[in-house]
Structure formats: C-alpha cells, structure tokens
Amino acid sequence: MNRPLKIGITCYPSLGGSGVVATELGKLLAEKGHEIHFITHSIPFRLGKFHRNIYYHEVEVSDYYVFRYPPYDLSLASKMHQVAQLQQLDLLHVHYAVPHAICALLAKQMSGDRLKVVTTLHGTDITVLAQDESLKDIIRLGIRNSDAVTAVSQDLIRETRDLLDIREPIDLTYNFVDKRIYYPRDISDLRPEFAEPGEKILMHISNFRPVKRTPDVIDIFAKVAARVPSRLLLVGEGPDLPKIQAKIETMGLGHRVHLLGKQDDVAQVVSLADLMLLPSEKESFGLVALEAMACGVPTIGSEAGGIPELVVHGKTGYLAPIGCTDRMADYAAELLTDERKYAEFRENCLHRARTEFCNDRITAEYERIYYRVLGIEADIPVPVCEA
C-alpha cells in the first residue's frame, strides 16, 4: 500500500480556474487518504464545508508602517516554512509560478532539501506575466528550480519553452472536473425563468477581462438571435462588464440578455445552456468549456491556446479563428437548428469529459508525480474512467 503523503497546496483562493482546480484536486487527494494543507490568504472559495484530511493555514501580512507595500510574498514563504516544519510536509504543490513557486523555493531553502516543490503552470503566469521583461528571469528561476513542473496543455508547454528557453521536463496534466458534480442537471423548473418555450440559451462564463473578448460574445449572439429565437446568459463579473452592458443596450438586446453575476453552483447554471461561447484571445486550457462539456453542452470557441486540445472541432463543438464572429455565429446557428447533430455533439461531449478528463485519471497523474519527486516507489494504477 502506498504511503499517504502530507501535501501543502497554495493557489489564488478567490478567483480563476487555477484556484478551482487546485481546490478540487486537494479534496480528491484527501479522499484518497492524503493529508492536505491549504496555505493561502483566505479559504479557497470552492472548499466549502468540512472535509476530512484537509486543513487551512491563513497567511497574515505584516502591517509594519515602514513597508510601503505589504510584503505578502515573504509572509507566504514564511508560512509555508512554518507549516512544512510543524506538519512535516512531504511537498508543496503551488499553482502559478509567481509568486507561489518563488515563495515555495524560499520555504524549501529554510526547511531543507527534504521538502519538495511541484509547480503547476496555468496560463497567465506565462502568457501574460512572462511577457514582462522585469519578471521573466524570476519566473524562469521558479520553473527551473522546482522539483517537478506541470502544465495544463501542450500549447502552454510549447509557449513556456519558447518564451523562457526552458529545457527541463514539463509534465502535461490537463485540468479535470469531478464527474460526481459536473453532469447534466434537471433544470426544467429553472429554464422558464430565462427563456420562452422553443427558445435556445447561449451562455458565456468568465471574469470579463479583455483577453476573453466579451464584445465578440455579444456580436455572436446578435447574429444567432437574428436567425434562431434565443437568449444569452452572462455569468461572472470583471472590468469589461460595464462596456458589455452598454453594448447590449446600444444593440437593443437588453430584453434577450440576462446578467447572472458570479455563481457558485456552476454545474447547475451550465446545465441551463444549449451552447457555451468561448471566443477568447488567449486560453491556456478553457476550464469553462470542460465544465460545459461535462454537462453535455457543446462549445463554440476560438482556435486559441489549449482550446483545440479540449474542444474537438466538428464533434464536441466548433472552433474558428480569433475574432471571426461570423463563422462562430454560423456554427452556432447550424448546431441549434439541427436536432440530430446537436444530440450527437451532446453525447460526444459527455463521453469525452468522462473518459479523457476524468478526475480519477488526473488525480492519479498528480500522485505519480508526487511519489516520483520524493523518490518513493509507488503503484498508482491507471483508473478506468467509464462514460
């Protein structure tokens, strides 16, 4: 029997797909008997109720008046070290290269080489921050000195190697969804609140940053709605939302668009949709498309980043060049008006999500990485994920 591990996890706890994946991974590892210690500035928003084998350690930042900016990074590194020593952690699994990998390396220096560091790259630490020359060297340092590095798509691995001249191994570990949570929900009682009988529902979920190209979402919907009776649900909040609201009113679409704000029960919300719209400019993976896929909802998206590794064009959705809203709208209208094809896409979505991005399979991949960096022989069988 494999020895249970003591694992520290650090992520951004309050926003983004990386925090969701990190939290869900921690919960799954705890179910398998590992002891999980979240080390963050606030409780991860997906952690929720009490979980056996999961502990939370809050990072408190000094308010010493000399500091112009509170030194969160140093406080985090110190807390990582303290928890590692007190709890005898085997390793730290950090999500994002900066600042988390750098903090983990400082904690390792304080704790000794016995403590290992696994870093997962999620996207913007490479696609955005590593574009900044003032940060490039420290990101490279964090990656090269981690005991293992994982990335959520082949495209992100390629970009990391090209941008930072990284030649060290990077493990591909796709994001996942828990099939016990993400499945088609019965929303027959909710759907009438948003759409009339016979109307279709399109959806977009994001943090409404420019990289998500949310104005394209409105353009696509307007073109689809001109051909197919439909509604648009917008889920989330962010800096571009006021601009989007103004665009909706200018185009006279206010009566067809519902703004739902942030939602915790994503599986329930996604199940309302007939199509997910993801026309992003950059998307290292596209977790929302996987969440939709697991609920039987095809995605119409862009050929950006890791999206083509997730959405199979012509089988689980359709992809078009970035900014090509005409083609995306054509694809959406085609799928929404062809019941046979839509049913086929829906089944393809469910099968792919449950087999290729199964939580059991991805969790086992992380376990193998953990035992490898610790130099422990372990038997981690490949789970059989049934559709």
Protein backbone atom coordinates (compact mmCIF):
# COMPACT_ATOMS: atom_id res chain seq x y z
CA MET A 1 0.00 0.00 0.00
CA ASN A 2 1.32 3.45 -0.91
CA ARG A 3 2.28 5.73 1.96
CA PRO A 4 -0.16 8.64 2.38
CA LEU A 5 1.51 11.98 1.75
CA LYS A 6 1.39 15.31 3.55
CA ILE A 7 0.91 17.98 0.88
CA GLY A 8 0.82 21.76 1.13
CA ILE A 9 -1.23 23.49 -1.59
CA THR A 10 -1.05 27.18 -2.45
CA CYS A 11 -3.23 28.85 -5.05
CA TYR A 12 -5.17 32.03 -5.68
CA PRO A 13 -8.14 31.17 -3.46
CA SER A 14 -10.76 33.65 -4.58
CA LEU A 15 -10.81 33.70 -8.39
CA GLY A 16 -9.84 31.94 -11.58
CA GLY A 17 -9.82 28.40 -12.86
CA SER A 18 -6.47 27.66 -11.25
CA GLY A 19 -7.94 28.10 -7.77
CA VAL A 20 -10.87 25.89 -8.68
CA VAL A 21 -8.62 23.10 -9.98
CA ALA A 22 -6.22 23.36 -7.03
CA THR A 23 -9.05 23.15 -4.52
CA GLU A 24 -10.83 20.28 -6.24
CA LEU A 25 -7.53 18.41 -6.53
CA GLY A 26 -6.90 18.86 -2.82
CA LYS A 27 -10.35 17.49 -1.98
CA LEU A 28 -9.85 14.45 -4.20
CA LEU A 29 -6.40 13.75 -2.74
CA ALA A 30 -7.84 14.00 0.77
CA GLU A 31 -10.49 11.42 -0.15
CA LYS A 32 -7.66 9.06 -1.12
CA GLY A 33 -6.13 9.39 2.36
CA HIS A 34 -3.52 12.09 1.80
CA GLU A 35 -3.25 14.94 4.31
CA ILE A 36 -3.82 18.29 2.59
CA HIS A 37 -2.81 21.70 3.97
CA PHE A 38 -4.04 24.78 2.10
CA ILE A 39 -1.70 27.72 2.69
CA THR A 40 -3.35 30.87 1.35
CA HIS A 41 -4.52 34.35 2.40
CA SER A 42 -8.16 33.22 2.54
CA ILE A 43 -10.13 29.99 2.45
CA PRO A 44 -10.46 28.74 -1.15
CA PHE A 45 -13.98 29.55 -2.31
CA ARG A 46 -14.60 26.00 -3.59
CA LEU A 47 -13.52 24.38 -0.32
CA GLY A 48 -16.88 24.84 1.35
CA LYS A 49 -17.84 22.52 4.18
CA PHE A 50 -15.62 20.48 6.49
CA HIS A 51 -13.53 17.84 4.76
CA ARG A 52 -11.61 15.05 6.47
CA ASN A 53 -7.82 15.28 5.99
CA ILE A 54 -7.97 18.93 4.89
CA TYR A 55 -6.52 21.81 6.91
CA TYR A 56 -6.33 25.54 6.26
CA HIS A 57 -3.48 27.86 7.26
CA GLU A 58 -4.04 31.59 6.83
CA VAL A 59 -1.23 33.81 5.62
CA GLU A 60 -1.20 37.03 7.62
CA VAL A 61 0.69 40.01 6.22
CA SER A 62 2.64 42.41 8.42
CA ASP A 63 1.30 45.97 8.55
CA TYR A 64 4.61 47.44 9.77
CA TYR A 65 4.45 51.13 8.85
CA VAL A 66 7.85 51.16 7.10
CA PHE A 67 6.53 48.85 4.36
CA ARG A 68 5.00 50.88 1.53
CA TYR A 69 3.53 47.66 0.11
CA PRO A 70 2.60 44.77 2.44
CA PRO A 71 5.18 42.00 1.83
CA TYR A 72 2.74 39.18 1.06
CA ASP A 73 5.33 37.07 -0.76
CA LEU A 74 7.67 36.98 2.24
CA SER A 75 4.79 36.28 4.62
CA LEU A 76 3.65 33.41 2.37
CA ALA A 77 7.16 31.91 2.19
CA SER A 78 7.49 32.12 5.95
CA LYS A 79 4.09 30.49 6.48
CA MET A 80 4.95 27.71 4.03
CA HIS A 81 8.12 27.01 6.01
CA GLN A 82 6.28 27.05 9.34
CA VAL A 83 3.57 24.67 8.15
CA ALA A 84 6.13 22.40 6.49
CA GLN A 85 8.09 22.13 9.72
CA LEU A 86 5.16 21.77 12.12
CA GLN A 87 3.19 19.35 9.94
CA GLN A 88 6.22 17.55 8.45
CA LEU A 89 5.01 18.13 4.91
CA ASP A 90 6.44 15.98 2.14
CA LEU A 91 5.98 18.60 -0.56
CA LEU A 92 4.46 21.89 -1.59
CA HIS A 93 2.25 21.92 -4.68
CA VAL A 94 1.95 25.51 -5.86
CA HIS A 95 -0.29 26.80 -8.61
CA TYR A 96 1.31 29.63 -10.64
CA ALA A 97 5.00 30.37 -10.98
CA VAL A 98 4.82 33.83 -9.45
CA PRO A 99 4.75 34.45 -6.67
CA HIS A 100 3.92 30.96 -5.43
CA ALA A 101 6.82 28.95 -6.87
CA ILE A 102 9.34 31.54 -5.70
CA CYS A 103 7.81 31.54 -2.21
CA ALA A 104 7.93 27.73 -2.15
CA LEU A 105 11.60 27.76 -3.10
CA LEU A 106 12.34 30.15 -0.23
CA ALA A 107 10.42 27.85 2.12
CA LYS A 108 12.44 24.92 0.80
CA GLN A 109 15.70 26.72 1.50
CA MET A 110 14.55 27.35 5.07
CA SER A 111 13.20 23.83 5.54
CA GLY A 112 15.92 21.86 3.77
CA ASP A 113 16.02 19.84 0.58
CA ARG A 114 13.77 17.19 2.11
CA LEU A 115 10.82 19.44 1.21
CA LYS A 116 9.97 19.13 -2.48
CA VAL A 117 8.25 21.68 -4.73
CA VAL A 118 5.81 20.88 -7.53
CA THR A 119 4.72 23.85 -9.66
CA THR A 120 1.68 23.86 -11.94
CA LEU A 121 1.55 26.45 -14.72
CA HIS A 122 -1.99 27.52 -15.53
CA GLY A 123 -1.53 30.18 -18.18
CA THR A 124 -1.27 33.85 -17.35
CA ASP A 125 1.95 33.31 -15.42
CA ILE A 126 3.39 32.52 -18.86
CA THR A 127 1.08 34.13 -21.42
CA VAL A 128 0.91 37.48 -19.61
CA LEU A 129 3.45 37.86 -16.79
CA ALA A 130 6.35 36.19 -18.60
CA GLN A 131 5.92 38.74 -21.40
CA ASP A 132 7.15 41.35 -18.91
CA GLU A 133 10.95 41.55 -19.11
CA SER A 134 11.13 42.60 -15.46
CA LEU A 135 9.51 39.30 -14.39
CA LYS A 136 10.87 36.88 -16.96
CA ASP A 137 14.05 35.94 -15.08
CA ILE A 138 12.31 35.26 -11.77
CA ILE A 139 9.62 33.14 -13.46
CA ARG A 140 12.36 31.15 -15.18
CA LEU A 141 14.09 30.70 -11.80
CA GLY A 142 10.91 29.36 -10.21
CA ILE A 143 10.35 26.86 -13.01
CA ARG A 144 13.92 25.62 -13.30
CA ASN A 145 14.33 25.09 -9.55
CA SER A 146 11.07 23.28 -8.93
CA ASP A 147 11.39 19.53 -8.41
CA ALA A 148 8.63 18.99 -10.97
CA VAL A 149 6.67 21.30 -13.23
CA THR A 150 3.29 20.55 -14.78
CA ALA A 151 1.24 22.50 -17.32
CA VAL A 152 -2.42 22.26 -18.26
CA SER A 153 -1.98 22.00 -22.05
CA GLN A 154 0.55 21.14 -24.73
CA ASP A 155 0.20 24.67 -26.05
CA LEU A 156 1.21 26.11 -22.68
CA ILE A 157 4.24 23.81 -22.56
CA ARG A 158 5.26 24.99 -26.03
CA GLU A 159 4.87 28.65 -25.11
CA THR A 160 6.80 28.18 -21.86
CA ARG A 161 9.71 26.57 -23.69
CA ASP A 162 9.74 29.18 -26.45
CA LEU A 163 9.37 32.23 -24.23
CA LEU A 164 11.64 31.27 -21.34
CA ASP A 165 14.06 28.87 -23.04
CA ILE A 166 13.05 26.09 -20.64
CA ARG A 167 14.54 22.70 -21.48
CA GLU A 168 13.76 20.93 -18.22
CA PRO A 169 10.93 18.35 -18.34
CA ILE A 170 7.34 19.62 -18.02
CA ASP A 171 4.57 17.12 -17.30
CA LEU A 172 1.30 17.54 -19.19
CA THR A 173 -1.58 17.30 -16.68
CA TYR A 174 -4.85 18.52 -18.10
CA ASN A 175 -7.47 20.15 -15.94
CA PHE A 176 -10.38 17.99 -14.88
CA VAL A 177 -13.90 18.08 -13.48
CA ASP A 178 -15.38 15.91 -10.76
CA LYS A 179 -17.93 13.76 -12.55
CA ARG A 180 -19.94 13.49 -9.33
CA ILE A 181 -20.57 17.24 -9.52
CA TYR A 182 -20.50 18.02 -13.24
CA TYR A 183 -23.23 16.17 -15.07
CA PRO A 184 -26.43 17.26 -16.86
CA ARG A 185 -28.79 18.60 -14.21
CA ASP A 186 -32.55 18.66 -14.38
CA ILE A 187 -33.26 22.36 -14.91
CA SER A 188 -36.82 22.06 -16.21
CA ASP A 189 -38.09 24.23 -13.35
CA LEU A 190 -35.44 26.95 -13.91
CA ARG A 191 -35.37 27.26 -17.68
CA PRO A 192 -38.73 29.09 -17.98
CA GLU A 193 -37.26 31.92 -15.89
CA PHE A 194 -34.81 32.72 -18.69
CA ALA A 195 -36.32 31.54 -21.97
CA GLU A 196 -39.68 31.01 -23.60
CA PRO A 197 -40.62 27.54 -24.94
CA GLY A 198 -38.78 26.96 -28.20
CA GLU A 199 -36.03 29.49 -27.45
CA LYS A 200 -32.39 28.42 -27.19
CA ILE A 201 -29.98 29.57 -24.47
CA LEU A 202 -26.42 30.61 -25.20
CA MET A 203 -24.03 31.23 -22.31
CA HIS A 204 -20.70 32.87 -21.57
CA ILE A 205 -18.84 32.48 -18.26
CA SER A 206 -15.67 34.43 -17.49
CA ASN A 207 -14.01 37.16 -15.45
CA PHE A 208 -14.78 39.64 -18.25
CA ARG A 209 -11.22 40.69 -18.94
CA PRO A 210 -10.14 41.94 -22.38
CA VAL A 211 -8.45 38.60 -23.14
CA LYS A 212 -11.89 36.94 -23.08
CA ARG A 213 -13.09 39.13 -25.98
CA THR A 214 -16.51 39.53 -24.42
CA PRO A 215 -17.67 42.07 -27.06
CA ASP A 216 -17.35 39.18 -29.53
CA VAL A 217 -19.80 37.23 -27.37
CA ILE A 218 -22.43 39.93 -27.91
CA ASP A 219 -21.72 40.09 -31.65
CA ILE A 220 -22.04 36.31 -32.00
CA PHE A 221 -25.27 36.27 -30.03
CA ALA A 222 -26.80 39.12 -32.04
CA LYS A 223 -26.11 37.23 -35.29
CA VAL A 224 -27.51 33.98 -33.90
CA ALA A 225 -30.60 35.66 -32.42
CA ALA A 226 -31.43 37.13 -35.83
CA ARG A 227 -31.86 33.58 -37.12
CA VAL A 228 -32.73 31.46 -34.08
CA PRO A 229 -35.05 32.53 -31.22
CA SER A 230 -32.60 32.63 -28.34
CA ARG A 231 -31.42 34.22 -25.11
CA LEU A 232 -27.94 34.93 -23.72
CA LEU A 233 -26.88 34.32 -20.13
CA LEU A 234 -23.73 36.11 -18.95
CA VAL A 235 -22.14 34.66 -15.80
CA GLY A 236 -19.35 36.36 -13.86
CA GLU A 237 -18.00 39.84 -13.25
CA GLY A 238 -14.98 41.83 -14.35
CA PRO A 239 -13.60 45.08 -15.76
CA ASP A 240 -15.23 44.75 -19.20
CA LEU A 241 -18.75 44.17 -17.87
CA PRO A 242 -19.86 47.85 -17.92
CA LYS A 243 -18.72 48.12 -21.55
CA ILE A 244 -20.64 44.95 -22.37
CA GLN A 245 -23.79 46.27 -20.70
CA ALA A 246 -23.57 49.45 -22.77
CA LYS A 247 -23.09 47.42 -25.96
CA ILE A 248 -26.12 45.28 -25.15
CA GLU A 249 -28.33 48.34 -24.70
CA THR A 250 -26.96 50.06 -27.82
CA MET A 251 -27.76 46.98 -29.90
CA GLY A 252 -31.25 46.73 -28.42
CA LEU A 253 -30.63 43.30 -26.91
CA GLY A 254 -31.41 44.12 -23.30
CA HIS A 255 -34.62 42.06 -23.27
CA ARG A 256 -32.74 38.97 -24.53
CA VAL A 257 -29.69 39.06 -22.23
CA HIS A 258 -29.59 38.05 -18.56
CA LEU A 259 -26.64 39.01 -16.35
CA LEU A 260 -26.33 36.47 -13.55
CA GLY A 261 -23.16 37.75 -11.85
CA LYS A 262 -20.92 35.28 -10.04
CA GLN A 263 -22.41 31.86 -9.39
CA ASP A 264 -21.13 29.11 -7.11
CA ASP A 265 -23.12 26.15 -8.45
CA VAL A 266 -21.61 26.24 -11.93
CA ALA A 267 -22.91 22.80 -12.93
CA GLN A 268 -26.49 23.87 -12.28
CA VAL A 269 -26.05 27.11 -14.23
CA VAL A 270 -24.23 25.48 -17.17
CA SER A 271 -26.98 22.89 -17.49
CA LEU A 272 -29.32 25.71 -18.50
CA ALA A 273 -27.31 26.34 -21.67
CA ASP A 274 -27.65 24.86 -25.13
CA LEU A 275 -24.28 26.30 -26.20
CA MET A 276 -21.25 27.78 -24.47
CA LEU A 277 -19.47 30.70 -26.16
CA LEU A 278 -15.70 30.98 -25.64
CA PRO A 279 -14.17 33.36 -28.23
CA SER A 280 -11.06 34.11 -26.12
CA GLU A 281 -7.89 35.68 -27.46
CA LYS A 282 -5.78 33.55 -25.10
CA GLU A 283 -6.87 30.46 -23.21
CA SER A 284 -4.29 28.04 -21.89
CA PHE A 285 -6.94 25.39 -21.33
CA GLY A 286 -10.51 26.67 -21.11
CA LEU A 287 -11.90 25.12 -17.94
CA VAL A 288 -15.36 26.55 -18.55
CA ALA A 289 -15.56 24.61 -21.83
CA LEU A 290 -14.75 21.40 -19.94
CA GLU A 291 -17.37 22.18 -17.30
CA ALA A 292 -19.88 22.71 -20.12
CA MET A 293 -18.77 19.53 -21.89
CA ALA A 294 -19.29 17.51 -18.71
CA CYS A 295 -22.85 18.82 -18.58
CA GLY A 296 -23.48 17.87 -22.21
CA VAL A 297 -23.16 21.42 -23.58
CA PRO A 298 -21.11 21.95 -26.79
CA THR A 299 -18.78 24.95 -27.09
CA ILE A 300 -18.40 27.45 -29.91
CA GLY A 301 -14.97 28.96 -29.44
CA SER A 302 -11.76 30.30 -30.88
CA GLU A 303 -8.68 28.41 -32.02
CA ALA A 304 -6.72 29.95 -29.15
CA GLY A 305 -4.13 28.28 -26.95
CA GLY A 306 -5.24 24.98 -25.48
CA ILE A 307 -8.89 25.15 -26.55
CA PRO A 308 -8.34 22.87 -29.60
CA GLU A 309 -6.87 20.24 -27.23
CA LEU A 310 -10.16 20.26 -25.35
CA VAL A 311 -12.88 21.02 -27.90
CA VAL A 312 -12.80 18.63 -30.86
CA HIS A 313 -13.92 20.62 -33.89
CA GLY A 314 -16.94 19.03 -35.53
CA LYS A 315 -17.51 16.56 -32.68
CA THR A 316 -17.88 18.34 -29.32
CA GLY A 317 -18.19 21.87 -30.66
CA TYR A 318 -16.88 24.19 -33.34
CA LEU A 319 -13.78 26.41 -33.47
CA ALA A 320 -12.94 29.41 -35.63
CA PRO A 321 -10.07 31.90 -35.88
CA ILE A 322 -9.90 34.54 -33.14
CA GLY A 323 -12.31 37.37 -33.89
CA CYS A 324 -14.17 35.52 -36.64
CA THR A 325 -17.61 36.12 -35.16
CA ASP A 326 -19.45 35.49 -38.44
CA ARG A 327 -18.17 31.93 -38.64
CA MET A 328 -18.80 31.30 -34.95
CA ALA A 329 -22.37 32.53 -35.34
CA ASP A 330 -22.87 30.31 -38.40
CA TYR A 331 -21.62 27.30 -36.47
CA ALA A 332 -23.88 28.11 -33.52
CA ALA A 333 -26.98 28.56 -35.70
CA GLU A 334 -26.22 25.33 -37.55
CA LEU A 335 -25.95 23.32 -34.35
CA LEU A 336 -29.01 24.89 -32.74
CA THR A 337 -31.23 24.10 -35.74
CA ASP A 338 -30.08 20.53 -36.40
CA GLU A 339 -31.53 18.32 -33.65
CA ARG A 340 -29.80 15.15 -34.83
CA LYS A 341 -26.38 16.75 -34.97
CA TYR A 342 -26.89 18.50 -31.64
CA ALA A 343 -27.80 15.22 -29.94
CA GLU A 344 -24.66 13.64 -31.41
CA PHE A 345 -22.47 16.51 -30.19
CA ARG A 346 -24.05 16.29 -26.75
CA GLU A 347 -23.24 12.60 -26.43
CA ASN A 348 -19.69 13.22 -27.69
CA CYS A 349 -19.27 15.90 -25.02
CA LEU A 350 -20.37 13.62 -22.20
CA HIS A 351 -18.17 10.74 -23.37
CA ARG A 352 -15.06 12.89 -23.81
CA ALA A 353 -15.42 14.67 -20.47
CA ARG A 354 -15.98 11.44 -18.55
CA THR A 355 -13.16 9.48 -20.17
CA GLU A 356 -10.42 11.89 -21.25
CA PHE A 357 -10.72 14.46 -18.43
CA CYS A 358 -11.86 12.18 -15.65
CA ASN A 359 -10.99 13.36 -12.13
CA ASP A 360 -9.75 9.89 -11.14
CA ARG A 361 -7.27 9.78 -14.02
CA ILE A 362 -5.83 13.28 -13.49
CA THR A 363 -5.59 12.82 -9.72
CA ALA A 364 -3.60 9.61 -10.29
CA GLU A 365 -1.26 11.50 -12.64
CA TYR A 366 -0.50 14.03 -9.91
CA GLU A 367 0.05 11.25 -7.39
CA ARG A 368 2.63 9.62 -9.66
CA ILE A 369 4.46 12.95 -9.95
CA TYR A 370 4.46 13.42 -6.16
CA TYR A 371 5.92 9.99 -5.45
CA ARG A 372 8.46 10.42 -8.25
CA VAL A 373 9.92 13.66 -6.85
CA LEU A 374 10.04 12.08 -3.40
CA GLY A 375 11.91 9.07 -4.76
CA ILE A 376 9.26 6.68 -3.43
CA GLU A 377 8.32 3.54 -5.30
CA ALA A 378 4.55 3.56 -5.64
CA ASP A 379 1.96 1.58 -7.55
CA ILE A 380 -0.58 4.03 -8.96
CA PRO A 381 -2.81 2.13 -11.43
CA VAL A 382 -4.40 3.96 -14.34
CA PRO A 383 -8.08 4.32 -13.41
CA VAL A 384 -10.68 3.07 -15.85
CA CYS A 385 -12.97 6.03 -16.48
CA GLU A 386 -16.28 4.87 -17.88
CA ALA A 387 -18.57 7.04 -19.93
